Amino acid sequence: MFPDWVTPGAIAQLEAHFELLARWNRKLNLVRIRDRSEAIQRHYNESLFVAHHLPVGAWRIADVGSGAGFPGFPVAVVRPDCLVTLIESHQRKAVFLREASRSLPNIRVLAQRAEDCGEVFDWALSRAVSYAGLAGILSRLAPHAALLTGSEDPPSSLGFDWRPSIPLPGTKGRFLRLGRRRTP
């Protein structure tokens, strides 16, 4: 069910994340999970699609509003050359992220609001964060952005020039938006 380019070792790490997520989700309600195949398609494969579309390079990546680790956790698993920072303001979700990422040296967790992050990254990723929630944050965090969105185009107020949207395979009305910070 994972894309054929994902290695067996990466699949094992993603499955371990899913098992932990399923256990923690009973108490924390991290994400909506009906069944394993839906979780793989909706959460993991969408995140892997982002990883597949990032250019080659050892990037510093911020996952804004990481929640249960999407898209940042799967990106870090299949792109060990990148340092992925999972930014999550909800403390209990941040505890889950720390537990889930213990064995991955290229992941770190910041338990704070993205607005309070003073770092600069190469790429900012986000899924399930509203455009309004990203306004004023995204362009300060990174010169490049990858957003998993619905059909509504990102507003120009985010400060990015967007490439044509890329439909997510197996979905209806879901897109990957890749952008570069607009230069003044």
C-alpha atoms as a PDB file:
ATOM      1  CA  MET A   1       0.000   0.000   0.000  1.00  0.00           C
ATOM      2  CA  PHE A   2       3.002   2.293   0.321  1.00  0.00           C
ATOM      3  CA  PRO A   3       4.586   3.587  -2.916  1.00  0.00           C
ATOM      4  CA  ASP A   4       7.003   1.092  -4.451  1.00  0.00           C
ATOM      5  CA  TRP A   5       9.981   3.462  -4.049  1.00  0.00           C
ATOM      6  CA  VAL A   6       9.724   3.300  -0.221  1.00  0.00           C
ATOM      7  CA  THR A   7      12.344   0.904   1.162  1.00  0.00           C
ATOM      8  CA  PRO A   8      11.471  -2.022   3.451  1.00  0.00           C
ATOM      9  CA  GLY A   9      13.354  -0.315   6.302  1.00  0.00           C
ATOM     10  CA  ALA A  10      11.323   2.866   5.872  1.00  0.00           C
ATOM     11  CA  ILE A  11       8.098   0.860   5.730  1.00  0.00           C
ATOM     12  CA  ALA A  12       9.024  -0.778   9.042  1.00  0.00           C
ATOM     13  CA  GLN A  13       9.570   2.674  10.628  1.00  0.00           C
ATOM     14  CA  LEU A  14       6.258   3.977   9.239  1.00  0.00           C
ATOM     15  CA  GLU A  15       4.410   0.889  10.477  1.00  0.00           C
ATOM     16  CA  ALA A  16       5.961   1.296  13.938  1.00  0.00           C
ATOM     17  CA  HIS A  17       4.754   4.922  13.925  1.00  0.00           C
ATOM     18  CA  PHE A  18       1.266   3.752  12.948  1.00  0.00           C
ATOM     19  CA  GLU A  19       1.149   1.174  15.766  1.00  0.00           C
ATOM     20  CA  LEU A  20       2.191   3.778  18.328  1.00  0.00           C
ATOM     21  CA  LEU A  21      -0.255   6.278  16.847  1.00  0.00           C
ATOM     22  CA  ALA A  22      -3.124   3.779  17.036  1.00  0.00           C
ATOM     23  CA  ARG A  23      -2.395   3.168  20.741  1.00  0.00           C
ATOM     24  CA  TRP A  24      -1.997   6.851  21.680  1.00  0.00           C
ATOM     25  CA  ASN A  25      -4.918   7.906  19.519  1.00  0.00           C
ATOM     26  CA  ARG A  26      -7.372   6.134  21.825  1.00  0.00           C
ATOM     27  CA  LYS A  27      -6.562   8.669  24.549  1.00  0.00           C
ATOM     28  CA  LEU A  28      -5.384  11.776  22.686  1.00  0.00           C
ATOM     29  CA  ASN A  29      -7.446  11.719  19.487  1.00  0.00           C
ATOM     30  CA  LEU A  30      -4.422  12.748  17.414  1.00  0.00           C
ATOM     31  CA  VAL A  31      -5.967  11.967  14.008  1.00  0.00           C
ATOM     32  CA  ARG A  32      -9.079  10.359  12.621  1.00  0.00           C
ATOM     33  CA  ILE A  33      -8.362   6.710  11.864  1.00  0.00           C
ATOM     34  CA  ARG A  34     -11.096   4.413  10.581  1.00  0.00           C
ATOM     35  CA  ASP A  35      -8.802   1.617   9.482  1.00  0.00           C
ATOM     36  CA  ARG A  36      -5.180   0.932   8.624  1.00  0.00           C
ATOM     37  CA  SER A  37      -5.572   1.236   4.841  1.00  0.00           C
ATOM     38  CA  GLU A  38      -7.334   4.609   5.125  1.00  0.00           C
ATOM     39  CA  ALA A  39      -4.597   5.866   7.478  1.00  0.00           C
ATOM     40  CA  ILE A  40      -1.883   4.762   5.071  1.00  0.00           C
ATOM     41  CA  GLN A  41      -3.577   6.426   2.104  1.00  0.00           C
ATOM     42  CA  ARG A  42      -4.693   9.629   3.803  1.00  0.00           C
ATOM     43  CA  HIS A  43      -1.900  10.343   6.272  1.00  0.00           C
ATOM     44  CA  TYR A  44       1.224   8.458   5.237  1.00  0.00           C
ATOM     45  CA  ASN A  45       1.013   8.429   1.435  1.00  0.00           C
ATOM     46  CA  GLU A  46       0.071  12.122   1.251  1.00  0.00           C
ATOM     47  CA  SER A  47       3.156  12.863   3.370  1.00  0.00           C
ATOM     48  CA  LEU A  48       5.329  10.600   1.215  1.00  0.00           C
ATOM     49  CA  PHE A  49       4.045  12.457  -1.845  1.00  0.00           C
ATOM     50  CA  VAL A  50       5.472  15.645  -0.335  1.00  0.00           C
ATOM     51  CA  ALA A  51       8.822  13.940   0.318  1.00  0.00           C
ATOM     52  CA  HIS A  52       8.925  12.679  -3.263  1.00  0.00           C
ATOM     53  CA  HIS A  53       8.423  16.226  -4.608  1.00  0.00           C
ATOM     54  CA  LEU A  54      11.069  17.948  -2.474  1.00  0.00           C
ATOM     55  CA  PRO A  55      14.264  18.602  -4.419  1.00  0.00           C
ATOM     56  CA  VAL A  56      17.381  16.601  -3.696  1.00  0.00           C
ATOM     57  CA  GLY A  57      19.419  18.131  -0.897  1.00  0.00           C
ATOM     58  CA  ALA A  58      20.133  18.070   2.809  1.00  0.00           C
ATOM     59  CA  TRP A  59      17.381  20.533   3.760  1.00  0.00           C
ATOM     60  CA  ARG A  60      16.375  21.945   7.126  1.00  0.00           C
ATOM     61  CA  ILE A  61      12.612  21.415   7.173  1.00  0.00           C
ATOM     62  CA  ALA A  62       9.921  22.750   9.533  1.00  0.00           C
ATOM     63  CA  ASP A  63       6.610  20.916   9.796  1.00  0.00           C
ATOM     64  CA  VAL A  64       4.210  23.601  11.029  1.00  0.00           C
ATOM     65  CA  GLY A  65       1.395  22.260  13.217  1.00  0.00           C
ATOM     66  CA  SER A  66       2.725  18.723  13.025  1.00  0.00           C
ATOM     67  CA  GLY A  67      -0.024  17.130  15.126  1.00  0.00           C
ATOM     68  CA  ALA A  68       0.593  13.385  14.889  1.00  0.00           C
ATOM     69  CA  GLY A  69       3.654  13.960  12.713  1.00  0.00           C
ATOM     70  CA  PHE A  70       2.182  14.558   9.282  1.00  0.00           C
ATOM     71  CA  PRO A  71       3.757  15.296   6.905  1.00  0.00           C
ATOM     72  CA  GLY A  72       7.081  15.700   8.757  1.00  0.00           C
ATOM     73  CA  PHE A  73       7.537  12.236  10.238  1.00  0.00           C
ATOM     74  CA  PRO A  74       7.187  10.301   6.951  1.00  0.00           C
ATOM     75  CA  VAL A  75       9.326  12.913   5.185  1.00  0.00           C
ATOM     76  CA  ALA A  76      12.103  12.373   7.745  1.00  0.00           C
ATOM     77  CA  VAL A  77      11.852   8.592   7.383  1.00  0.00           C
ATOM     78  CA  VAL A  78      12.348   8.591   3.607  1.00  0.00           C
ATOM     79  CA  ARG A  79      14.672  11.610   3.521  1.00  0.00           C
ATOM     80  CA  PRO A  80      17.291  10.853   6.210  1.00  0.00           C
ATOM     81  CA  ASP A  81      19.524  13.486   4.574  1.00  0.00           C
ATOM     82  CA  CYS A  82      17.146  16.193   5.841  1.00  0.00           C
ATOM     83  CA  LEU A  83      16.771  17.546   9.385  1.00  0.00           C
ATOM     84  CA  VAL A  84      13.042  17.772  10.124  1.00  0.00           C
ATOM     85  CA  THR A  85      11.714  19.885  12.983  1.00  0.00           C
ATOM     86  CA  LEU A  86       8.184  19.022  14.070  1.00  0.00           C
ATOM     87  CA  ILE A  87       6.585  22.194  15.467  1.00  0.00           C
ATOM     88  CA  GLU A  88       3.557  21.451  17.652  1.00  0.00           C
ATOM     89  CA  SER A  89       2.095  23.771  20.267  1.00  0.00           C
ATOM     90  CA  HIS A  90      -0.109  21.177  22.019  1.00  0.00           C
ATOM     91  CA  GLN A  91       2.066  19.675  24.733  1.00  0.00           C
ATOM     92  CA  ARG A  92       0.464  16.209  24.731  1.00  0.00           C
ATOM     93  CA  LYS A  93       0.895  15.908  20.970  1.00  0.00           C
ATOM     94  CA  ALA A  94       4.519  17.030  21.345  1.00  0.00           C
ATOM     95  CA  VAL A  95       5.071  14.257  23.902  1.00  0.00           C
ATOM     96  CA  PHE A  96       3.714  11.749  21.379  1.00  0.00           C
ATOM     97  CA  LEU A  97       6.002  13.150  18.672  1.00  0.00           C
ATOM     98  CA  ARG A  98       9.054  12.827  20.932  1.00  0.00           C
ATOM     99  CA  GLU A  99       8.161   9.232  21.727  1.00  0.00           C
ATOM    100  CA  ALA A 100       7.492   8.382  18.082  1.00  0.00           C
ATOM    101  CA  SER A 101      10.730   9.931  16.833  1.00  0.00           C
ATOM    102  CA  ARG A 102      13.150   8.564  19.453  1.00  0.00           C
ATOM    103  CA  SER A 103      14.949   6.327  16.968  1.00  0.00           C
ATOM    104  CA  LEU A 104      15.224   8.954  14.221  1.00  0.00           C
ATOM    105  CA  PRO A 105      18.252  11.219  14.675  1.00  0.00           C
ATOM    106  CA  ASN A 106      17.064  13.586  11.925  1.00  0.00           C
ATOM    107  CA  ILE A 107      13.866  14.589  13.770  1.00  0.00           C
ATOM    108  CA  ARG A 108      13.515  17.057  16.594  1.00  0.00           C
ATOM    109  CA  VAL A 109      10.366  18.351  18.241  1.00  0.00           C
ATOM    110  CA  LEU A 110       9.662  21.956  19.211  1.00  0.00           C
ATOM    111  CA  ALA A 111       6.752  22.166  21.650  1.00  0.00           C
ATOM    112  CA  GLN A 112       5.754  25.731  20.886  1.00  0.00           C
ATOM    113  CA  ARG A 113       3.689  27.854  18.554  1.00  0.00           C
ATOM    114  CA  ALA A 114       5.249  28.386  15.138  1.00  0.00           C
ATOM    115  CA  GLU A 115       4.860  32.143  15.679  1.00  0.00           C
ATOM    116  CA  ASP A 116       7.343  31.869  18.548  1.00  0.00           C
ATOM    117  CA  CYS A 117       9.960  29.964  16.573  1.00  0.00           C
ATOM    118  CA  GLY A 118      12.928  32.200  15.857  1.00  0.00           C
ATOM    119  CA  GLU A 119      14.672  29.788  13.512  1.00  0.00           C
ATOM    120  CA  VAL A 120      14.876  29.882   9.744  1.00  0.00           C
ATOM    121  CA  PHE A 121      14.540  26.710   7.674  1.00  0.00           C
ATOM    122  CA  ASP A 122      14.974  25.835   4.002  1.00  0.00           C
ATOM    123  CA  TRP A 123      11.443  24.443   3.654  1.00  0.00           C
ATOM    124  CA  ALA A 124       8.215  24.821   5.620  1.00  0.00           C
ATOM    125  CA  LEU A 125       5.635  22.049   5.321  1.00  0.00           C
ATOM    126  CA  SER A 126       2.077  22.052   6.529  1.00  0.00           C
ATOM    127  CA  ARG A 127      -1.040  19.946   6.387  1.00  0.00           C
ATOM    128  CA  ALA A 128      -4.384  20.702   7.975  1.00  0.00           C
ATOM    129  CA  VAL A 129      -3.380  24.227   9.014  1.00  0.00           C
ATOM    130  CA  SER A 130      -5.584  26.961   7.597  1.00  0.00           C
ATOM    131  CA  TYR A 131      -4.169  29.626   5.327  1.00  0.00           C
ATOM    132  CA  ALA A 132      -5.128  32.174   7.981  1.00  0.00           C
ATOM    133  CA  GLY A 133      -3.120  30.172  10.527  1.00  0.00           C
ATOM    134  CA  LEU A 134      -0.074  30.290   8.240  1.00  0.00           C
ATOM    135  CA  ALA A 135      -0.274  34.002   7.440  1.00  0.00           C
ATOM    136  CA  GLY A 136       2.685  35.906   8.808  1.00  0.00           C
ATOM    137  CA  ILE A 137       4.466  32.688   9.765  1.00  0.00           C
ATOM    138  CA  LEU A 138       5.244  30.821   6.584  1.00  0.00           C
ATOM    139  CA  SER A 139       7.329  33.446   4.799  1.00  0.00           C
ATOM    140  CA  ARG A 140       9.308  34.161   7.978  1.00  0.00           C
ATOM    141  CA  LEU A 141      10.145  30.488   8.541  1.00  0.00           C
ATOM    142  CA  ALA A 142      11.430  29.491   5.108  1.00  0.00           C
ATOM    143  CA  PRO A 143      11.945  30.621   1.523  1.00  0.00           C
ATOM    144  CA  HIS A 144      10.213  27.473   0.226  1.00  0.00           C
ATOM    145  CA  ALA A 145       6.881  25.927   1.208  1.00  0.00           C
ATOM    146  CA  ALA A 146       5.038  22.683   0.534  1.00  0.00           C
ATOM    147  CA  LEU A 147       1.394  22.644   1.600  1.00  0.00           C
ATOM    148  CA  LEU A 148      -1.135  19.833   1.477  1.00  0.00           C
ATOM    149  CA  THR A 149      -4.434  21.582   0.825  1.00  0.00           C
ATOM    150  CA  GLY A 150      -7.943  21.367  -0.485  1.00  0.00           C
ATOM    151  CA  SER A 151      -9.108  22.965  -3.703  1.00  0.00           C
ATOM    152  CA  GLU A 152      -8.830  26.592  -2.533  1.00  0.00           C
ATOM    153  CA  ASP A 153      -5.726  28.308  -3.915  1.00  0.00           C
ATOM    154  CA  PRO A 154      -3.311  29.782  -1.371  1.00  0.00           C
ATOM    155  CA  PRO A 155      -3.857  33.534  -0.948  1.00  0.00           C
ATOM    156  CA  SER A 156      -1.205  35.958  -2.145  1.00  0.00           C
ATOM    157  CA  SER A 157      -1.020  37.279   1.424  1.00  0.00           C
ATOM    158  CA  LEU A 158       1.123  34.249   2.352  1.00  0.00           C
ATOM    159  CA  GLY A 159       3.942  35.943   0.427  1.00  0.00           C
ATOM    160  CA  PHE A 160       4.734  33.083  -1.972  1.00  0.00           C
ATOM    161  CA  ASP A 161       4.644  32.497  -5.688  1.00  0.00           C
ATOM    162  CA  TRP A 162       3.020  29.098  -6.202  1.00  0.00           C
ATOM    163  CA  ARG A 163       3.715  26.551  -8.896  1.00  0.00           C
ATOM    164  CA  PRO A 164       0.699  24.916 -10.519  1.00  0.00           C
ATOM    165  CA  SER A 165      -1.046  22.682  -7.978  1.00  0.00           C
ATOM    166  CA  ILE A 166      -0.320  18.959  -8.103  1.00  0.00           C
ATOM    167  CA  PRO A 167      -3.332  16.661  -7.501  1.00  0.00           C
ATOM    168  CA  LEU A 168      -2.735  14.070  -4.783  1.00  0.00           C
ATOM    169  CA  PRO A 169      -3.091  10.538  -6.188  1.00  0.00           C
ATOM    170  CA  GLY A 170      -6.146   8.639  -5.000  1.00  0.00           C
ATOM    171  CA  THR A 171      -7.915  11.745  -3.678  1.00  0.00           C
ATOM    172  CA  LYS A 172     -10.534  14.141  -4.891  1.00  0.00           C
ATOM    173  CA  GLY A 173      -9.970  17.849  -4.329  1.00  0.00           C
ATOM    174  CA  ARG A 174      -6.628  17.477  -2.476  1.00  0.00           C
ATOM    175  CA  PHE A 175      -3.454  19.105  -3.752  1.00  0.00           C
ATOM    176  CA  LEU A 176       0.216  19.657  -3.086  1.00  0.00           C
ATOM    177  CA  ARG A 177       1.173  23.337  -3.395  1.00  0.00           C
ATOM    178  CA  LEU A 178       4.870  24.149  -3.812  1.00  0.00           C
ATOM    179  CA  GLY A 179       5.907  27.763  -3.458  1.00  0.00           C
ATOM    180  CA  ARG A 180       8.857  30.093  -3.276  1.00  0.00           C
ATOM    181  CA  ARG A 181       8.861  33.193  -1.116  1.00  0.00           C
ATOM    182  CA  ARG A 182       8.110  36.282  -3.188  1.00  0.00           C
ATOM    183  CA  THR A 183      11.029  38.679  -3.403  1.00  0.00           C
ATOM    184  CA  PRO A 184      10.212  42.336  -2.710  1.00  0.00           C
END
